[in-house]
């Protein structure tokens, strides 16, 4: 049981390192992580008494 937990821990650490590496190298590979820059306007109606 201890072996399984140890391997799952190693796999989780390896996955986290892989995600961090992809976040840094991704833009060079063509991945775009930027948020869309569209302006949104919405009317707000206030009911004041």
PDB file of N, CA and C in Angstrom:
ATOM      1  N   UNK A   1       0.827  -1.194   0.000  1.00  0.00           N
ATOM      2  CA  UNK A   1       0.000   0.000   0.000  1.00  0.00           C
ATOM      3  C   UNK A   1       0.868   1.252   0.000  1.00  0.00           C
ATOM      4  N   UNK A   2       1.989   1.174   0.733  1.00  0.00           N
ATOM      5  CA  UNK A   2       2.893   2.314   0.789  1.00  0.00           C
ATOM      6  C   UNK A   2       3.542   2.605  -0.560  1.00  0.00           C
ATOM      7  N   UNK A   3       3.806   1.542  -1.326  1.00  0.00           N
ATOM      8  CA  UNK A   3       4.399   1.728  -2.654  1.00  0.00           C
ATOM      9  C   UNK A   3       3.462   2.490  -3.580  1.00  0.00           C
ATOM     10  N   UNK A   4       2.173   2.156  -3.514  1.00  0.00           N
ATOM     11  CA  UNK A   4       1.202   2.830  -4.383  1.00  0.00           C
ATOM     12  C   UNK A   4       1.126   4.310  -4.044  1.00  0.00           C
ATOM     13  N   UNK A   5       1.082   4.630  -2.767  1.00  0.00           N
ATOM     14  CA  UNK A   5       1.017   6.038  -2.352  1.00  0.00           C
ATOM     15  C   UNK A   5       2.276   6.775  -2.766  1.00  0.00           C
ATOM     16  N   UNK A   6       3.413   6.125  -2.632  1.00  0.00           N
ATOM     17  CA  UNK A   6       4.675   6.753  -3.029  1.00  0.00           C
ATOM     18  C   UNK A   6       4.694   7.029  -4.527  1.00  0.00           C
ATOM     19  N   UNK A   7       4.256   6.063  -5.332  1.00  0.00           N
ATOM     20  CA  UNK A   7       4.231   6.265  -6.785  1.00  0.00           C
ATOM     21  C   UNK A   7       3.212   7.324  -7.189  1.00  0.00           C
ATOM     22  N   UNK A   8       2.076   7.378  -6.508  1.00  0.00           N
ATOM     23  CA  UNK A   8       1.088   8.426  -6.791  1.00  0.00           C
ATOM     24  C   UNK A   8       1.637   9.805  -6.443  1.00  0.00           C
ATOM     25  N   UNK A   9       2.393   9.889  -5.359  1.00  0.00           N
ATOM     26  CA  UNK A   9       3.025  11.150  -4.988  1.00  0.00           C
ATOM     27  C   UNK A   9       4.043  11.568  -6.047  1.00  0.00           C
ATOM     28  N   UNK A  10       4.870  10.639  -6.489  1.00  0.00           N
ATOM     29  CA  UNK A  10       5.844  10.941  -7.541  1.00  0.00           C
ATOM     30  C   UNK A  10       5.150  11.376  -8.829  1.00  0.00           C
ATOM     31  N   UNK A  11       4.058  10.709  -9.167  1.00  0.00           N
ATOM     32  CA  UNK A  11       3.311  11.062 -10.367  1.00  0.00           C
ATOM     33  C   UNK A  11       2.693  12.453 -10.249  1.00  0.00           C
ATOM     34  N   UNK A  12       2.182  12.798  -9.080  1.00  0.00           N
ATOM     35  CA  UNK A  12       1.609  14.124  -8.869  1.00  0.00           C
ATOM     36  C   UNK A  12       2.677  15.206  -8.973  1.00  0.00           C
ATOM     37  N   UNK A  13       3.846  14.964  -8.395  1.00  0.00           N
ATOM     38  CA  UNK A  13       4.940  15.936  -8.475  1.00  0.00           C
ATOM     39  C   UNK A  13       5.403  16.082  -9.922  1.00  0.00           C
ATOM     40  N   UNK A  14       5.522  14.984 -10.632  1.00  0.00           N
ATOM     41  CA  UNK A  14       5.931  15.031 -12.029  1.00  0.00           C
ATOM     42  C   UNK A  14       4.895  15.779 -12.875  1.00  0.00           C
ATOM     43  N   UNK A  15       3.625  15.561 -12.602  1.00  0.00           N
ATOM     44  CA  UNK A  15       2.575  16.279 -13.312  1.00  0.00           C
ATOM     45  C   UNK A  15       2.611  17.771 -13.041  1.00  0.00           C
ATOM     46  N   UNK A  16       2.852  18.167 -11.792  1.00  0.00           N
ATOM     47  CA  UNK A  16       2.944  19.585 -11.447  1.00  0.00           C
ATOM     48  C   UNK A  16       4.135  20.235 -12.140  1.00  0.00           C
ATOM     49  N   UNK A  17       5.260  19.555 -12.156  1.00  0.00           N
ATOM     50  CA  UNK A  17       6.442  20.085 -12.849  1.00  0.00           C
ATOM     51  C   UNK A  17       6.165  20.193 -14.345  1.00  0.00           C
ATOM     52  N   UNK A  18       5.481  19.210 -14.908  1.00  0.00           N
ATOM     53  CA  UNK A  18       5.133  19.259 -16.327  1.00  0.00           C
ATOM     54  C   UNK A  18       4.218  20.425 -16.651  1.00  0.00           C
ATOM     55  N   UNK A  19       3.243  20.709 -15.800  1.00  0.00           N
ATOM     56  CA  UNK A  19       2.358  21.845 -16.026  1.00  0.00           C
ATOM     57  C   UNK A  19       3.095  23.172 -15.955  1.00  0.00           C
ATOM     58  N   UNK A  20       4.004  23.295 -15.014  1.00  0.00           N
ATOM     59  CA  UNK A  20       4.790  24.526 -14.895  1.00  0.00           C
ATOM     60  C   UNK A  20       5.678  24.699 -16.123  1.00  0.00           C
ATOM     61  N   UNK A  21       6.298  23.626 -16.572  1.00  0.00           N
ATOM     62  CA  UNK A  21       7.135  23.709 -17.780  1.00  0.00           C
ATOM     63  C   UNK A  21       6.293  24.074 -18.996  1.00  0.00           C
ATOM     64  N   UNK A  22       5.109  23.506 -19.114  1.00  0.00           N
ATOM     65  CA  UNK A  22       4.239  23.821 -20.242  1.00  0.00           C
ATOM     66  C   UNK A  22       3.777  25.275 -20.197  1.00  0.00           C
ATOM     67  N   UNK A  23       3.565  25.803 -18.998  1.00  0.00           N
ATOM     68  CA  UNK A  23       3.154  27.202 -18.871  1.00  0.00           C
ATOM     69  C   UNK A  23       4.250  28.137 -19.368  1.00  0.00           C
ATOM     70  N   UNK A  24       5.505  27.774 -19.153  1.00  0.00           N
ATOM     71  CA  UNK A  24       6.605  28.619 -19.615  1.00  0.00           C
ATOM     72  C   UNK A  24       6.946  28.384 -21.092  1.00  0.00           C
ATOM     73  N   UNK A  25       6.872  27.152 -21.557  1.00  0.00           N
ATOM     74  CA  UNK A  25       7.285  26.821 -22.913  1.00  0.00           C
ATOM     75  C   UNK A  25       6.112  26.885 -23.894  1.00  0.00           C
ATOM     76  N   UNK A  26       4.887  26.820 -23.410  1.00  0.00           N
ATOM     77  CA  UNK A  26       3.700  26.799 -24.249  1.00  0.00           C
ATOM     78  C   UNK A  26       3.615  27.913 -25.272  1.00  0.00           C
ATOM     79  N   UNK A  27       3.864  29.180 -24.905  1.00  0.00           N
ATOM     80  CA  UNK A  27       3.784  30.246 -25.911  1.00  0.00           C
ATOM     81  C   UNK A  27       4.762  30.067 -27.070  1.00  0.00           C
ATOM     82  N   UNK A  28       5.893  29.436 -26.842  1.00  0.00           N
ATOM     83  CA  UNK A  28       6.841  29.179 -27.931  1.00  0.00           C
ATOM     84  C   UNK A  28       6.350  28.066 -28.854  1.00  0.00           C
ATOM     85  N   UNK A  29       5.453  27.218 -28.334  1.00  0.00           N
ATOM     86  CA  UNK A  29       4.910  26.108 -29.112  1.00  0.00           C
ATOM     87  C   UNK A  29       3.587  26.465 -29.784  1.00  0.00           C
ATOM     88  N   UNK A  30       3.107  27.696 -29.592  1.00  0.00           N
ATOM     89  CA  UNK A  30       1.889  28.138 -30.246  1.00  0.00           C
ATOM     90  C   UNK A  30       0.665  28.168 -29.354  1.00  0.00           C
ATOM     91  N   UNK A  31       0.796  27.863 -28.072  1.00  0.00           N
ATOM     92  CA  UNK A  31      -0.346  27.920 -27.167  1.00  0.00           C
ATOM     93  C   UNK A  31      -0.556  29.364 -26.719  1.00  0.00           C
ATOM     94  N   UNK A  32      -1.796  29.818 -26.731  1.00  0.00           N
ATOM     95  CA  UNK A  32      -2.110  31.187 -26.342  1.00  0.00           C
ATOM     96  C   UNK A  32      -2.915  31.153 -25.047  1.00  0.00           C
ATOM     97  N   UNK A  33      -2.331  31.643 -23.974  1.00  0.00           N
ATOM     98  CA  UNK A  33      -2.969  31.610 -22.663  1.00  0.00           C
ATOM     99  C   UNK A  33      -3.621  32.936 -22.291  1.00  0.00           C
ATOM    100  N   UNK A  34      -3.598  33.915 -23.185  1.00  0.00           N
ATOM    101  CA  UNK A  34      -4.137  35.229 -22.838  1.00  0.00           C
ATOM    102  C   UNK A  34      -5.670  35.197 -22.864  1.00  0.00           C
ATOM    103  N   UNK A  35      -6.249  36.032 -22.034  1.00  0.00           N
ATOM    104  CA  UNK A  35      -7.704  36.132 -21.978  1.00  0.00           C
ATOM    105  C   UNK A  35      -8.198  36.965 -23.160  1.00  0.00           C
ATOM    106  N   UNK A  36      -9.405  36.684 -23.647  1.00  0.00           N
ATOM    107  CA  UNK A  36      -9.933  37.493 -24.744  1.00  0.00           C
ATOM    108  C   UNK A  36     -10.151  38.936 -24.298  1.00  0.00           C
ATOM    109  N   UNK A  37      -9.780  39.874 -25.164  1.00  0.00           N
ATOM    110  CA  UNK A  37      -9.841  41.293 -24.814  1.00  0.00           C
ATOM    111  C   UNK A  37     -11.028  41.952 -25.508  1.00  0.00           C
ATOM    112  N   UNK A  38     -12.233  41.521 -25.207  1.00  0.00           N
ATOM    113  CA  UNK A  38     -13.441  42.106 -25.772  1.00  0.00           C
ATOM    114  C   UNK A  38     -14.109  42.983 -24.723  1.00  0.00           C
ATOM    115  N   UNK A  39     -14.534  44.171 -25.143  1.00  0.00           N
ATOM    116  CA  UNK A  39     -15.220  45.069 -24.234  1.00  0.00           C
ATOM    117  C   UNK A  39     -16.688  44.647 -24.124  1.00  0.00           C
ATOM    118  N   UNK A  40     -17.175  44.579 -22.898  1.00  0.00           N
ATOM    119  CA  UNK A  40     -18.554  44.173 -22.656  1.00  0.00           C
ATOM    120  C   UNK A  40     -19.269  45.323 -21.961  1.00  0.00           C
ATOM    121  N   UNK A  41     -20.379  45.757 -22.546  1.00  0.00           N
ATOM    122  CA  UNK A  41     -21.192  46.811 -21.939  1.00  0.00           C
ATOM    123  C   UNK A  41     -22.566  46.239 -21.649  1.00  0.00           C
ATOM    124  N   UNK A  42     -23.038  46.507 -20.430  1.00  0.00           N
ATOM    125  CA  UNK A  42     -24.342  46.007 -20.038  1.00  0.00           C
ATOM    126  C   UNK A  42     -25.051  47.093 -19.238  1.00  0.00           C
ATOM    127  N   UNK A  43     -26.310  47.332 -19.576  1.00  0.00           N
ATOM    128  CA  UNK A  43     -27.084  48.352 -18.893  1.00  0.00           C
ATOM    129  C   UNK A  43     -27.451  47.889 -17.488  1.00  0.00           C
ATOM    130  N   UNK A  44     -27.316  48.810 -16.540  1.00  0.00           N
ATOM    131  CA  UNK A  44     -27.643  48.510 -15.142  1.00  0.00           C
ATOM    132  C   UNK A  44     -28.813  49.397 -14.749  1.00  0.00           C
ATOM    133  N   UNK A  45     -29.881  48.809 -14.260  1.00  0.00           N
ATOM    134  CA  UNK A  45     -31.060  49.561 -13.833  1.00  0.00           C
ATOM    135  C   UNK A  45     -31.133  49.492 -12.307  1.00  0.00           C
ATOM    136  N   UNK A  46     -31.095  50.679 -11.699  1.00  0.00           N
ATOM    137  CA  UNK A  46     -31.162  50.762 -10.231  1.00  0.00           C
ATOM    138  C   UNK A  46     -32.571  51.189  -9.829  1.00  0.00           C
ATOM    139  N   UNK A  47     -33.173  50.454  -8.926  1.00  0.00           N
ATOM    140  CA  UNK A  47     -34.499  50.805  -8.423  1.00  0.00           C
ATOM    141  C   UNK A  47     -34.317  51.467  -7.070  1.00  0.00           C
ATOM    142  N   UNK A  48     -34.314  52.811  -7.075  1.00  0.00           N
ATOM    143  CA  UNK A  48     -34.108  53.592  -5.858  1.00  0.00           C
ATOM    144  C   UNK A  48     -35.461  54.152  -5.424  1.00  0.00           C
ATOM    145  N   UNK A  49     -35.756  54.045  -4.146  1.00  0.00           N
ATOM    146  CA  UNK A  49     -37.027  54.573  -3.641  1.00  0.00           C
ATOM    147  C   UNK A  49     -36.808  55.852  -2.883  1.00  0.00           C
TER     148      UNK A  49
END
